[in-house]
Structures are given as C-alpha cells and as structure tokens.
Amino acid sequence: MTQADPKITRADLEGKFKALQDDIQGTTERNKSTLATYAAIAGGVVVILAYAFGRRSGRKRRSVLEIRR
C-alpha cells in the first residue's frame, strides 16, 4: 500500500452498512402496503377460480334423476 491509499477502518464499514440498511428498510416499508394489496388480489382470484372449477366439475358428475309415477 502507498500513502495515497487510505486504510478502511471499522467505523467506515459500520457507517456504510448502516446507510445501506436504512435504505433497504425505507424501501421495504414503502413496498409493504403494495405487496399486501397484490397478495389480497391474488388470494381473491384463487378463491374465485377454485369456486368456478368446483362448480364445473360438480356439473359434470351430477346425475339427472327422473321420477315417474
């Protein structure tokens, strides 16, 4: 190493990691509500599809019963 290259100290590393962590935490907090919205929409779509496919398969298996007197 030459005199022009400054040494990296523990305080330098801690400062950079703290700044990175704060940035990630801010991004996470901003996107949390958006992610919850998308998850709720996806859950609703899954429930609707399960209902629709269940009705369809129920109609295929349902037998017609005819009662005569």
C-alpha atoms as a PDB file:
ATOM      1  CA  MET A   1       0.000   0.000   0.000  1.00  0.00           C
ATOM      2  CA  THR A   2       1.104   3.516  -0.654  1.00  0.00           C
ATOM      3  CA  GLN A   3       0.491   6.597   1.429  1.00  0.00           C
ATOM      4  CA  ALA A   4      -2.195   7.797  -1.022  1.00  0.00           C
ATOM      5  CA  ASP A   5      -4.470   4.814  -0.269  1.00  0.00           C
ATOM      6  CA  PRO A   6      -6.349   5.475   2.950  1.00  0.00           C
ATOM      7  CA  LYS A   7      -7.000   2.475   5.185  1.00  0.00           C
ATOM      8  CA  ILE A   8     -10.549   1.286   5.617  1.00  0.00           C
ATOM      9  CA  THR A   9     -11.482   1.409   9.259  1.00  0.00           C
ATOM     10  CA  ARG A  10     -14.170  -0.365  11.200  1.00  0.00           C
ATOM     11  CA  ALA A  11     -16.077   2.915  11.561  1.00  0.00           C
ATOM     12  CA  ASP A  12     -16.100   3.354   7.770  1.00  0.00           C
ATOM     13  CA  LEU A  13     -17.571  -0.110   7.270  1.00  0.00           C
ATOM     14  CA  GLU A  14     -20.152   0.349  10.018  1.00  0.00           C
ATOM     15  CA  GLY A  15     -21.238   3.683   8.568  1.00  0.00           C
ATOM     16  CA  LYS A  16     -21.693   2.251   5.071  1.00  0.00           C
ATOM     17  CA  PHE A  17     -23.576  -0.802   6.342  1.00  0.00           C
ATOM     18  CA  LYS A  18     -25.843   1.411   8.468  1.00  0.00           C
ATOM     19  CA  ALA A  19     -26.633   3.626   5.463  1.00  0.00           C
ATOM     20  CA  LEU A  20     -27.359   0.556   3.317  1.00  0.00           C
ATOM     21  CA  GLN A  21     -29.600  -0.958   5.989  1.00  0.00           C
ATOM     22  CA  ASP A  22     -31.551   2.291   6.402  1.00  0.00           C
ATOM     23  CA  ASP A  23     -32.081   2.476   2.650  1.00  0.00           C
ATOM     24  CA  ILE A  24     -33.334  -1.111   2.494  1.00  0.00           C
ATOM     25  CA  GLN A  25     -35.656  -0.570   5.485  1.00  0.00           C
ATOM     26  CA  GLY A  26     -37.173   2.504   3.826  1.00  0.00           C
ATOM     27  CA  THR A  27     -37.769   0.625   0.589  1.00  0.00           C
ATOM     28  CA  THR A  28     -39.335  -2.277   2.464  1.00  0.00           C
ATOM     29  CA  GLU A  29     -41.712  -0.032   4.387  1.00  0.00           C
ATOM     30  CA  ARG A  30     -42.828   1.727   1.209  1.00  0.00           C
ATOM     31  CA  ASN A  31     -43.496  -1.511  -0.661  1.00  0.00           C
ATOM     32  CA  LYS A  32     -45.172  -3.397   2.184  1.00  0.00           C
ATOM     33  CA  SER A  33     -48.656  -1.986   1.560  1.00  0.00           C
ATOM     34  CA  THR A  34     -48.377  -2.545  -2.179  1.00  0.00           C
ATOM     35  CA  LEU A  35     -47.326  -6.142  -1.614  1.00  0.00           C
ATOM     36  CA  ALA A  36     -50.246  -6.706   0.761  1.00  0.00           C
ATOM     37  CA  THR A  37     -52.651  -5.345  -1.859  1.00  0.00           C
ATOM     38  CA  TYR A  38     -51.293  -7.654  -4.549  1.00  0.00           C
ATOM     39  CA  ALA A  39     -51.445 -10.628  -2.171  1.00  0.00           C
ATOM     40  CA  ALA A  40     -55.106  -9.900  -1.356  1.00  0.00           C
ATOM     41  CA  ILE A  41     -55.995  -9.619  -5.045  1.00  0.00           C
ATOM     42  CA  ALA A  42     -54.170 -12.870  -5.850  1.00  0.00           C
ATOM     43  CA  GLY A  43     -55.965 -14.620  -2.982  1.00  0.00           C
ATOM     44  CA  GLY A  44     -59.332 -13.424  -4.261  1.00  0.00           C
ATOM     45  CA  VAL A  45     -58.553 -14.654  -7.759  1.00  0.00           C
ATOM     46  CA  VAL A  46     -57.568 -18.077  -6.387  1.00  0.00           C
ATOM     47  CA  VAL A  47     -60.828 -18.346  -4.422  1.00  0.00           C
ATOM     48  CA  ILE A  48     -62.923 -17.367  -7.455  1.00  0.00           C
ATOM     49  CA  LEU A  49     -61.105 -19.843  -9.706  1.00  0.00           C
ATOM     50  CA  ALA A  50     -61.495 -22.647  -7.168  1.00  0.00           C
ATOM     51  CA  TYR A  51     -65.209 -21.912  -6.919  1.00  0.00           C
ATOM     52  CA  ALA A  52     -65.641 -21.829 -10.697  1.00  0.00           C
ATOM     53  CA  PHE A  53     -63.736 -25.060 -11.308  1.00  0.00           C
ATOM     54  CA  GLY A  54     -65.573 -26.750  -8.439  1.00  0.00           C
ATOM     55  CA  ARG A  55     -68.948 -25.835  -9.931  1.00  0.00           C
ATOM     56  CA  ARG A  56     -67.836 -27.050 -13.327  1.00  0.00           C
ATOM     57  CA  SER A  57     -66.663 -30.440 -12.068  1.00  0.00           C
ATOM     58  CA  GLY A  58     -69.802 -30.750  -9.940  1.00  0.00           C
ATOM     59  CA  ARG A  59     -71.979 -30.249 -13.005  1.00  0.00           C
ATOM     60  CA  LYS A  60     -70.069 -32.906 -14.919  1.00  0.00           C
ATOM     61  CA  ARG A  61     -70.515 -35.520 -12.178  1.00  0.00           C
ATOM     62  CA  ARG A  62     -74.093 -34.662 -11.270  1.00  0.00           C
ATOM     63  CA  SER A  63     -76.574 -37.241 -12.465  1.00  0.00           C
ATOM     64  CA  VAL A  64     -80.058 -36.458 -13.600  1.00  0.00           C
ATOM     65  CA  LEU A  65     -82.687 -38.256 -11.560  1.00  0.00           C
ATOM     66  CA  GLU A  66     -86.074 -38.615 -13.138  1.00  0.00           C
ATOM     67  CA  ILE A  67     -89.020 -39.715 -11.025  1.00  0.00           C
ATOM     68  CA  ARG A  68     -92.093 -41.139 -12.749  1.00  0.00           C
ATOM     69  CA  ARG A  69     -95.415 -42.146 -11.287  1.00  0.00           C
END
